[in-house]
Amino acid sequence: KLTFNLDNPSQSGLFRELQESMEELKRDLKAFK
């Protein structure tokens, strides 16, 4: 899934994990390119 609610303070721990996953995905995409 793709999410754009990473700054939601009500579940900051979960969203931090998601944000880290998205940043890792971005790094993988840049490396692949």
PDB file of all heavy atoms in Angstrom:
ATOM      1  N   LYS A   1       0.837  -1.198   0.000  1.00  0.00           N
ATOM      2  CA  LYS A   1       0.000   0.000   0.000  1.00  0.00           C
ATOM      3  C   LYS A   1       0.873   1.250   0.000  1.00  0.00           C
ATOM      4  O   LYS A   1       2.053   1.219   0.372  1.00  0.00           O
ATOM      5  CB  LYS A   1      -0.956   0.008   1.187  1.00  0.00           C
ATOM      6  CG  LYS A   1      -0.316   0.299   2.533  1.00  0.00           C
ATOM      7  CD  LYS A   1      -1.375   0.429   3.622  1.00  0.00           C
ATOM      8  CE  LYS A   1      -0.753   0.756   4.974  1.00  0.00           C
ATOM      9  NZ  LYS A   1      -1.775   0.943   6.024  1.00  0.00           N
ATOM     10  N   LEU A   2       0.268   2.342  -0.413  1.00  0.00           N
ATOM     11  CA  LEU A   2       0.909   3.657  -0.394  1.00  0.00           C
ATOM     12  C   LEU A   2       0.115   4.538   0.561  1.00  0.00           C
ATOM     13  O   LEU A   2      -1.111   4.607   0.470  1.00  0.00           O
ATOM     14  CB  LEU A   2       0.904   4.285  -1.784  1.00  0.00           C
ATOM     15  CG  LEU A   2       1.604   3.501  -2.898  1.00  0.00           C
ATOM     16  CD1 LEU A   2       1.382   4.196  -4.245  1.00  0.00           C
ATOM     17  CD2 LEU A   2       3.084   3.388  -2.615  1.00  0.00           C
ATOM     18  N   THR A   3       0.813   5.209   1.472  1.00  0.00           N
ATOM     19  CA  THR A   3       0.126   6.069   2.423  1.00  0.00           C
ATOM     20  C   THR A   3       0.767   7.443   2.444  1.00  0.00           C
ATOM     21  O   THR A   3       1.971   7.583   2.188  1.00  0.00           O
ATOM     22  CB  THR A   3       0.142   5.461   3.845  1.00  0.00           C
ATOM     23  OG1 THR A   3      -0.601   6.297   4.728  1.00  0.00           O
ATOM     24  CG2 THR A   3       1.562   5.308   4.362  1.00  0.00           C
ATOM     25  N   PHE A   4      -0.036   8.464   2.730  1.00  0.00           N
ATOM     26  CA  PHE A   4       0.452   9.832   2.794  1.00  0.00           C
ATOM     27  C   PHE A   4       0.088  10.462   4.132  1.00  0.00           C
ATOM     28  O   PHE A   4      -0.008  11.674   4.261  1.00  0.00           O
ATOM     29  CB  PHE A   4      -0.129  10.639   1.630  1.00  0.00           C
ATOM     30  CG  PHE A   4       0.233  10.060   0.291  1.00  0.00           C
ATOM     31  CD1 PHE A   4      -0.634   9.184  -0.355  1.00  0.00           C
ATOM     32  CD2 PHE A   4       1.439  10.359  -0.311  1.00  0.00           C
ATOM     33  CE1 PHE A   4      -0.303   8.628  -1.579  1.00  0.00           C
ATOM     34  CE2 PHE A   4       1.778   9.812  -1.538  1.00  0.00           C
ATOM     35  CZ  PHE A   4       0.912   8.941  -2.178  1.00  0.00           C
ATOM     36  N   ASN A   5      -0.130   9.633   5.165  1.00  0.00           N
ATOM     37  CA  ASN A   5      -0.521  10.122   6.486  1.00  0.00           C
ATOM     38  C   ASN A   5       0.591   9.896   7.505  1.00  0.00           C
ATOM     39  O   ASN A   5       0.343   9.580   8.662  1.00  0.00           O
ATOM     40  CB  ASN A   5      -1.797   9.407   6.951  1.00  0.00           C
ATOM     41  CG  ASN A   5      -2.964   9.660   6.028  1.00  0.00           C
ATOM     42  OD1 ASN A   5      -3.191  10.783   5.621  1.00  0.00           O
ATOM     43  ND2 ASN A   5      -3.698   8.609   5.690  1.00  0.00           N
ATOM     44  N   LEU A   6       1.823  10.071   7.087  1.00  0.00           N
ATOM     45  CA  LEU A   6       2.942   9.742   7.954  1.00  0.00           C
ATOM     46  C   LEU A   6       3.104  10.703   9.123  1.00  0.00           C
ATOM     47  O   LEU A   6       3.785  10.393  10.086  1.00  0.00           O
ATOM     48  CB  LEU A   6       4.235   9.709   7.134  1.00  0.00           C
ATOM     49  CG  LEU A   6       4.255   8.661   6.005  1.00  0.00           C
ATOM     50  CD1 LEU A   6       5.576   8.724   5.256  1.00  0.00           C
ATOM     51  CD2 LEU A   6       4.056   7.270   6.567  1.00  0.00           C
ATOM     52  N   ASP A   7       2.482  11.878   9.049  1.00  0.00           N
ATOM     53  CA  ASP A   7       2.643  12.864  10.114  1.00  0.00           C
ATOM     54  C   ASP A   7       1.511  12.828  11.134  1.00  0.00           C
ATOM     55  O   ASP A   7       1.402  13.708  11.979  1.00  0.00           O
ATOM     56  CB  ASP A   7       2.725  14.276   9.523  1.00  0.00           C
ATOM     57  CG  ASP A   7       3.966  14.458   8.669  1.00  0.00           C
ATOM     58  OD1 ASP A   7       4.985  13.838   9.004  1.00  0.00           O
ATOM     59  OD2 ASP A   7       3.900  15.199   7.678  1.00  0.00           O
ATOM     60  N   ASN A   8       0.657  11.835  11.053  1.00  0.00           N
ATOM     61  CA  ASN A   8      -0.458  11.728  11.987  1.00  0.00           C
ATOM     62  C   ASN A   8       0.082  11.460  13.395  1.00  0.00           C
ATOM     63  O   ASN A   8       0.672  10.417  13.644  1.00  0.00           O
ATOM     64  CB  ASN A   8      -1.381  10.578  11.556  1.00  0.00           C
ATOM     65  CG  ASN A   8      -2.675  10.556  12.369  1.00  0.00           C
ATOM     66  OD1 ASN A   8      -2.707  10.987  13.515  1.00  0.00           O
ATOM     67  ND2 ASN A   8      -3.725  10.043  11.751  1.00  0.00           N
ATOM     68  N   PRO A   9      -0.116  12.393  14.346  1.00  0.00           N
ATOM     69  CA  PRO A   9       0.483  12.240  15.678  1.00  0.00           C
ATOM     70  C   PRO A   9      -0.173  11.170  16.529  1.00  0.00           C
ATOM     71  O   PRO A   9       0.398  10.725  17.495  1.00  0.00           O
ATOM     72  CB  PRO A   9       0.289  13.632  16.309  1.00  0.00           C
ATOM     73  CG  PRO A   9      -0.940  14.172  15.633  1.00  0.00           C
ATOM     74  CD  PRO A   9      -0.880  13.650  14.227  1.00  0.00           C
ATOM     75  N   SER A  10      -1.378  10.744  16.163  1.00  0.00           N
ATOM     76  CA  SER A  10      -2.101   9.797  17.003  1.00  0.00           C
ATOM     77  C   SER A  10      -1.464   8.426  17.000  1.00  0.00           C
ATOM     78  O   SER A  10      -1.661   7.642  17.923  1.00  0.00           O
ATOM     79  CB  SER A  10      -3.564   9.693  16.544  1.00  0.00           C
ATOM     80  OG  SER A  10      -3.624   9.186  15.227  1.00  0.00           O
ATOM     81  N   GLN A  11      -0.693   8.110  15.959  1.00  0.00           N
ATOM     82  CA  GLN A  11      -0.039   6.810  15.900  1.00  0.00           C
ATOM     83  C   GLN A  11       1.404   7.023  15.435  1.00  0.00           C
ATOM     84  O   GLN A  11       1.860   6.440  14.457  1.00  0.00           O
ATOM     85  CB  GLN A  11      -0.781   5.861  14.952  1.00  0.00           C
ATOM     86  CG  GLN A  11      -2.200   5.559  15.396  1.00  0.00           C
ATOM     87  CD  GLN A  11      -2.835   4.466  14.543  1.00  0.00           C
ATOM     88  OE1 GLN A  11      -2.168   3.589  14.024  1.00  0.00           O
ATOM     89  NE2 GLN A  11      -4.137   4.523  14.426  1.00  0.00           N
ATOM     90  N   SER A  12       2.105   7.885  16.170  1.00  0.00           N
ATOM     91  CA  SER A  12       3.425   8.316  15.724  1.00  0.00           C
ATOM     92  C   SER A  12       4.395   7.152  15.571  1.00  0.00           C
ATOM     93  O   SER A  12       5.210   7.132  14.647  1.00  0.00           O
ATOM     94  CB  SER A  12       3.987   9.343  16.710  1.00  0.00           C
ATOM     95  OG  SER A  12       4.027   8.797  18.022  1.00  0.00           O
ATOM     96  N   GLY A  13       4.335   6.173  16.481  1.00  0.00           N
ATOM     97  CA  GLY A  13       5.249   5.050  16.386  1.00  0.00           C
ATOM     98  C   GLY A  13       5.064   4.267  15.105  1.00  0.00           C
ATOM     99  O   GLY A  13       6.022   3.962  14.394  1.00  0.00           O
ATOM    100  N   LEU A  14       3.801   3.948  14.792  1.00  0.00           N
ATOM    101  CA  LEU A  14       3.489   3.196  13.581  1.00  0.00           C
ATOM    102  C   LEU A  14       3.900   3.985  12.346  1.00  0.00           C
ATOM    103  O   LEU A  14       4.517   3.445  11.420  1.00  0.00           O
ATOM    104  CB  LEU A  14       1.995   2.876  13.542  1.00  0.00           C
ATOM    105  CG  LEU A  14       1.477   2.253  12.243  1.00  0.00           C
ATOM    106  CD1 LEU A  14       2.148   0.911  11.974  1.00  0.00           C
ATOM    107  CD2 LEU A  14      -0.051   2.084  12.310  1.00  0.00           C
ATOM    108  N   PHE A  15       3.574   5.266  12.349  1.00  0.00           N
ATOM    109  CA  PHE A  15       3.859   6.064  11.165  1.00  0.00           C
ATOM    110  C   PHE A  15       5.360   6.307  10.992  1.00  0.00           C
ATOM    111  O   PHE A  15       5.840   6.475   9.869  1.00  0.00           O
ATOM    112  CB  PHE A  15       3.098   7.390  11.218  1.00  0.00           C
ATOM    113  CG  PHE A  15       1.645   7.241  10.877  1.00  0.00           C
ATOM    114  CD1 PHE A  15       0.663   7.575  11.794  1.00  0.00           C
ATOM    115  CD2 PHE A  15       1.264   6.737   9.642  1.00  0.00           C
ATOM    116  CE1 PHE A  15      -0.677   7.421  11.476  1.00  0.00           C
ATOM    117  CE2 PHE A  15      -0.077   6.583   9.325  1.00  0.00           C
ATOM    118  CZ  PHE A  15      -1.048   6.924  10.251  1.00  0.00           C
ATOM    119  N   ARG A  16       6.107   6.336  12.091  1.00  0.00           N
ATOM    120  CA  ARG A  16       7.559   6.443  11.954  1.00  0.00           C
ATOM    121  C   ARG A  16       8.109   5.215  11.240  1.00  0.00           C
ATOM    122  O   ARG A  16       8.996   5.318  10.392  1.00  0.00           O
ATOM    123  CB  ARG A  16       8.214   6.599  13.332  1.00  0.00           C
ATOM    124  CG  ARG A  16       8.244   8.029  13.853  1.00  0.00           C
ATOM    125  CD  ARG A  16       9.268   8.180  14.957  1.00  0.00           C
ATOM    126  NE  ARG A  16       8.993   7.290  16.090  1.00  0.00           N
ATOM    127  CZ  ARG A  16       8.228   7.633  17.118  1.00  0.00           C
ATOM    128  NH1 ARG A  16       7.661   8.819  17.158  1.00  0.00           N
ATOM    129  NH2 ARG A  16       8.038   6.786  18.112  1.00  0.00           N
ATOM    130  N   GLU A  17       7.562   4.050  11.602  1.00  0.00           N
ATOM    131  CA  GLU A  17       7.988   2.820  10.941  1.00  0.00           C
ATOM    132  C   GLU A  17       7.642   2.860   9.452  1.00  0.00           C
ATOM    133  O   GLU A  17       8.441   2.460   8.602  1.00  0.00           O
ATOM    134  CB  GLU A  17       7.319   1.601  11.596  1.00  0.00           C
ATOM    135  CG  GLU A  17       7.783   1.338  13.014  1.00  0.00           C
ATOM    136  CD  GLU A  17       7.078   0.147  13.631  1.00  0.00           C
ATOM    137  OE1 GLU A  17       6.396  -0.592  12.876  1.00  0.00           O
ATOM    138  OE2 GLU A  17       7.196  -0.056  14.832  1.00  0.00           O
ATOM    139  N   LEU A  18       6.439   3.344   9.150  1.00  0.00           N
ATOM    140  CA  LEU A  18       6.034   3.434   7.750  1.00  0.00           C
ATOM    141  C   LEU A  18       6.906   4.423   6.991  1.00  0.00           C
ATOM    142  O   LEU A  18       7.283   4.191   5.840  1.00  0.00           O
ATOM    143  CB  LEU A  18       4.556   3.853   7.659  1.00  0.00           C
ATOM    144  CG  LEU A  18       3.528   2.812   8.081  1.00  0.00           C
ATOM    145  CD1 LEU A  18       2.136   3.429   8.125  1.00  0.00           C
ATOM    146  CD2 LEU A  18       3.537   1.625   7.122  1.00  0.00           C
ATOM    147  N   GLN A  19       7.219   5.546   7.665  1.00  0.00           N
ATOM    148  CA  GLN A  19       8.041   6.554   7.018  1.00  0.00           C
ATOM    149  C   GLN A  19       9.429   6.006   6.718  1.00  0.00           C
ATOM    150  O   GLN A  19       9.992   6.230   5.643  1.00  0.00           O
ATOM    151  CB  GLN A  19       8.158   7.790   7.912  1.00  0.00           C
ATOM    152  CG  GLN A  19       8.826   8.978   7.213  1.00  0.00           C
ATOM    153  CD  GLN A  19       8.730  10.230   8.041  1.00  0.00           C
ATOM    154  OE1 GLN A  19       8.616  10.158   9.257  1.00  0.00           O
ATOM    155  NE2 GLN A  19       8.786  11.368   7.398  1.00  0.00           N
ATOM    156  N   GLU A  20       9.974   5.254   7.658  1.00  0.00           N
ATOM    157  CA  GLU A  20      11.281   4.639   7.442  1.00  0.00           C
ATOM    158  C   GLU A  20      11.233   3.660   6.279  1.00  0.00           C
ATOM    159  O   GLU A  20      12.174   3.586   5.477  1.00  0.00           O
ATOM    160  CB  GLU A  20      11.748   3.930   8.720  1.00  0.00           C
ATOM    161  CG  GLU A  20      12.102   4.885   9.850  1.00  0.00           C
ATOM    162  CD  GLU A  20      12.371   4.172  11.161  1.00  0.00           C
ATOM    163  OE1 GLU A  20      12.267   2.910  11.170  1.00  0.00           O
ATOM    164  OE2 GLU A  20      12.669   4.835  12.151  1.00  0.00           O
ATOM    165  N   SER A  21      10.124   2.911   6.188  1.00  0.00           N
ATOM    166  CA  SER A  21       9.971   1.968   5.081  1.00  0.00           C
ATOM    167  C   SER A  21       9.897   2.690   3.748  1.00  0.00           C
ATOM    168  O   SER A  21      10.490   2.254   2.752  1.00  0.00           O
ATOM    169  CB  SER A  21       8.710   1.118   5.279  1.00  0.00           C
ATOM    170  OG  SER A  21       8.797   0.351   6.446  1.00  0.00           O
ATOM    171  N   MET A  22       9.182   3.826   3.719  1.00  0.00           N
ATOM    172  CA  MET A  22       9.074   4.586   2.489  1.00  0.00           C
ATOM    173  C   MET A  22      10.421   5.180   2.090  1.00  0.00           C
ATOM    174  O   MET A  22      10.788   5.187   0.916  1.00  0.00           O
ATOM    175  CB  MET A  22       8.045   5.710   2.653  1.00  0.00           C
ATOM    176  CG  MET A  22       6.597   5.216   2.799  1.00  0.00           C
ATOM    177  SD  MET A  22       5.992   4.401   1.308  1.00  0.00           S
ATOM    178  CE  MET A  22       5.855   5.796   0.200  1.00  0.00           C
ATOM    179  N   GLU A  23      11.188   5.670   3.080  1.00  0.00           N
ATOM    180  CA  GLU A  23      12.501   6.223   2.777  1.00  0.00           C
ATOM    181  C   GLU A  23      13.440   5.139   2.252  1.00  0.00           C
ATOM    182  O   GLU A  23      14.226   5.371   1.329  1.00  0.00           O
ATOM    183  CB  GLU A  23      13.103   6.866   4.035  1.00  0.00           C
ATOM    184  CG  GLU A  23      12.390   8.131   4.506  1.00  0.00           C
ATOM    185  CD  GLU A  23      12.429   9.223   3.446  1.00  0.00           C
ATOM    186  OE1 GLU A  23      13.432   9.308   2.710  1.00  0.00           O
ATOM    187  OE2 GLU A  23      11.450   9.974   3.370  1.00  0.00           O
ATOM    188  N   GLU A  24      13.311   3.939   2.819  1.00  0.00           N
ATOM    189  CA  GLU A  24      14.132   2.821   2.343  1.00  0.00           C
ATOM    190  C   GLU A  24      13.753   2.464   0.909  1.00  0.00           C
ATOM    191  O   GLU A  24      14.620   2.170   0.082  1.00  0.00           O
ATOM    192  CB  GLU A  24      13.947   1.611   3.256  1.00  0.00           C
ATOM    193  CG  GLU A  24      14.831   0.423   2.868  1.00  0.00           C
ATOM    194  CD  GLU A  24      14.663  -0.742   3.826  1.00  0.00           C
ATOM    195  OE1 GLU A  24      13.957  -0.579   4.842  1.00  0.00           O
ATOM    196  OE2 GLU A  24      15.230  -1.808   3.550  1.00  0.00           O
ATOM    197  N   LEU A  25      12.441   2.503   0.611  1.00  0.00           N
ATOM    198  CA  LEU A  25      11.986   2.227  -0.746  1.00  0.00           C
ATOM    199  C   LEU A  25      12.537   3.267  -1.720  1.00  0.00           C
ATOM    200  O   LEU A  25      12.971   2.926  -2.826  1.00  0.00           O
ATOM    201  CB  LEU A  25      10.453   2.216  -0.796  1.00  0.00           C
ATOM    202  CG  LEU A  25       9.811   2.026  -2.169  1.00  0.00           C
ATOM    203  CD1 LEU A  25      10.240   0.703  -2.798  1.00  0.00           C
ATOM    204  CD2 LEU A  25       8.280   2.072  -2.065  1.00  0.00           C
ATOM    205  N   LYS A  26      12.531   4.543  -1.313  1.00  0.00           N
ATOM    206  CA  LYS A  26      13.060   5.597  -2.169  1.00  0.00           C
ATOM    207  C   LYS A  26      14.545   5.372  -2.452  1.00  0.00           C
ATOM    208  O   LYS A  26      15.018   5.550  -3.577  1.00  0.00           O
ATOM    209  CB  LYS A  26      12.859   6.967  -1.509  1.00  0.00           C
ATOM    210  CG  LYS A  26      11.413   7.425  -1.451  1.00  0.00           C
ATOM    211  CD  LYS A  26      11.316   8.772  -0.747  1.00  0.00           C
ATOM    212  CE  LYS A  26       9.871   9.233  -0.635  1.00  0.00           C
ATOM    213  NZ  LYS A  26       9.765  10.524   0.096  1.00  0.00           N
ATOM    214  N   ARG A  27      15.293   4.976  -1.404  1.00  0.00           N
ATOM    215  CA  ARG A  27      16.720   4.720  -1.597  1.00  0.00           C
ATOM    216  C   ARG A  27      16.943   3.560  -2.559  1.00  0.00           C
ATOM    217  O   ARG A  27      17.836   3.597  -3.412  1.00  0.00           O
ATOM    218  CB  ARG A  27      17.391   4.436  -0.250  1.00  0.00           C
ATOM    219  CG  ARG A  27      17.502   5.665   0.657  1.00  0.00           C
ATOM    220  CD  ARG A  27      18.453   5.403   1.815  1.00  0.00           C
ATOM    221  NE  ARG A  27      17.952   4.360   2.703  1.00  0.00           N
ATOM    222  CZ  ARG A  27      17.186   4.599   3.753  1.00  0.00           C
ATOM    223  NH1 ARG A  27      16.810   5.850   4.042  1.00  0.00           N
ATOM    224  NH2 ARG A  27      16.779   3.611   4.530  1.00  0.00           N
ATOM    225  N   ASP A  28      16.116   2.514  -2.421  1.00  0.00           N
ATOM    226  CA  ASP A  28      16.229   1.359  -3.318  1.00  0.00           C
ATOM    227  C   ASP A  28      15.949   1.758  -4.756  1.00  0.00           C
ATOM    228  O   ASP A  28      16.613   1.295  -5.699  1.00  0.00           O
ATOM    229  CB  ASP A  28      15.254   0.250  -2.891  1.00  0.00           C
ATOM    230  CG  ASP A  28      15.672  -0.414  -1.596  1.00  0.00           C
ATOM    231  OD1 ASP A  28      16.848  -0.256  -1.207  1.00  0.00           O
ATOM    232  OD2 ASP A  28      14.824  -1.086  -0.973  1.00  0.00           O
ATOM    233  N   LEU A  29      14.947   2.621  -4.936  1.00  0.00           N
ATOM    234  CA  LEU A  29      14.591   3.068  -6.290  1.00  0.00           C
ATOM    235  C   LEU A  29      15.735   3.875  -6.909  1.00  0.00           C
ATOM    236  O   LEU A  29      16.074   3.700  -8.087  1.00  0.00           O
ATOM    237  CB  LEU A  29      13.319   3.910  -6.261  1.00  0.00           C
ATOM    238  CG  LEU A  29      12.002   3.145  -6.095  1.00  0.00           C
ATOM    239  CD1 LEU A  29      10.850   4.110  -5.850  1.00  0.00           C
ATOM    240  CD2 LEU A  29      11.713   2.316  -7.330  1.00  0.00           C
ATOM    241  N   LYS A  30      16.349   4.768  -6.095  1.00  0.00           N
ATOM    242  CA  LYS A  30      17.449   5.581  -6.608  1.00  0.00           C
ATOM    243  C   LYS A  30      18.633   4.697  -6.977  1.00  0.00           C
ATOM    244  O   LYS A  30      19.273   4.882  -8.023  1.00  0.00           O
ATOM    245  CB  LYS A  30      17.869   6.613  -5.554  1.00  0.00           C
ATOM    246  CG  LYS A  30      16.875   7.745  -5.358  1.00  0.00           C
ATOM    247  CD  LYS A  30      17.367   8.724  -4.310  1.00  0.00           C
ATOM    248  CE  LYS A  30      16.358   9.850  -4.108  1.00  0.00           C
ATOM    249  NZ  LYS A  30      16.801  10.804  -3.053  1.00  0.00           N
ATOM    250  N   ALA A  31      18.928   3.705  -6.137  1.00  0.00           N
ATOM    251  CA  ALA A  31      20.044   2.800  -6.410  1.00  0.00           C
ATOM    252  C   ALA A  31      19.779   1.979  -7.666  1.00  0.00           C
ATOM    253  O   ALA A  31      20.674   1.747  -8.465  1.00  0.00           O
ATOM    254  CB  ALA A  31      20.274   1.882  -5.204  1.00  0.00           C
ATOM    255  N   PHE A  32      18.516   1.544  -7.818  1.00  0.00           N
ATOM    256  CA  PHE A  32      18.160   0.736  -8.993  1.00  0.00           C
ATOM    257  C   PHE A  32      18.322   1.549 -10.269  1.00  0.00           C
ATOM    258  O   PHE A  32      18.835   1.058 -11.282  1.00  0.00           O
ATOM    259  CB  PHE A  32      16.725   0.225  -8.855  1.00  0.00           C
ATOM    260  CG  PHE A  32      16.289  -0.687  -9.980  1.00  0.00           C
ATOM    261  CD1 PHE A  32      16.509  -2.050  -9.909  1.00  0.00           C
ATOM    262  CD2 PHE A  32      15.672  -0.177 -11.096  1.00  0.00           C
ATOM    263  CE1 PHE A  32      16.118  -2.880 -10.934  1.00  0.00           C
ATOM    264  CE2 PHE A  32      15.273  -1.001 -12.143  1.00  0.00           C
ATOM    265  CZ  PHE A  32      15.502  -2.368 -12.053  1.00  0.00           C
ATOM    266  N   LYS A  33      17.901   2.829 -10.222  1.00  0.00           N
ATOM    267  CA  LYS A  33      17.997   3.681 -11.412  1.00  0.00           C
ATOM    268  C   LYS A  33      19.454   3.932 -11.799  1.00  0.00           C
ATOM    269  O   LYS A  33      19.798   4.030 -12.976  1.00  0.00           O
ATOM    270  CB  LYS A  33      17.267   4.998 -11.168  1.00  0.00           C
ATOM    271  CG  LYS A  33      15.747   4.860 -11.114  1.00  0.00           C
ATOM    272  CD  LYS A  33      15.082   6.195 -10.824  1.00  0.00           C
ATOM    273  CE  LYS A  33      13.577   6.051 -10.814  1.00  0.00           C
ATOM    274  NZ  LYS A  33      12.894   7.334 -10.507  1.00  0.00           N
TER     275      LYS A  33
END
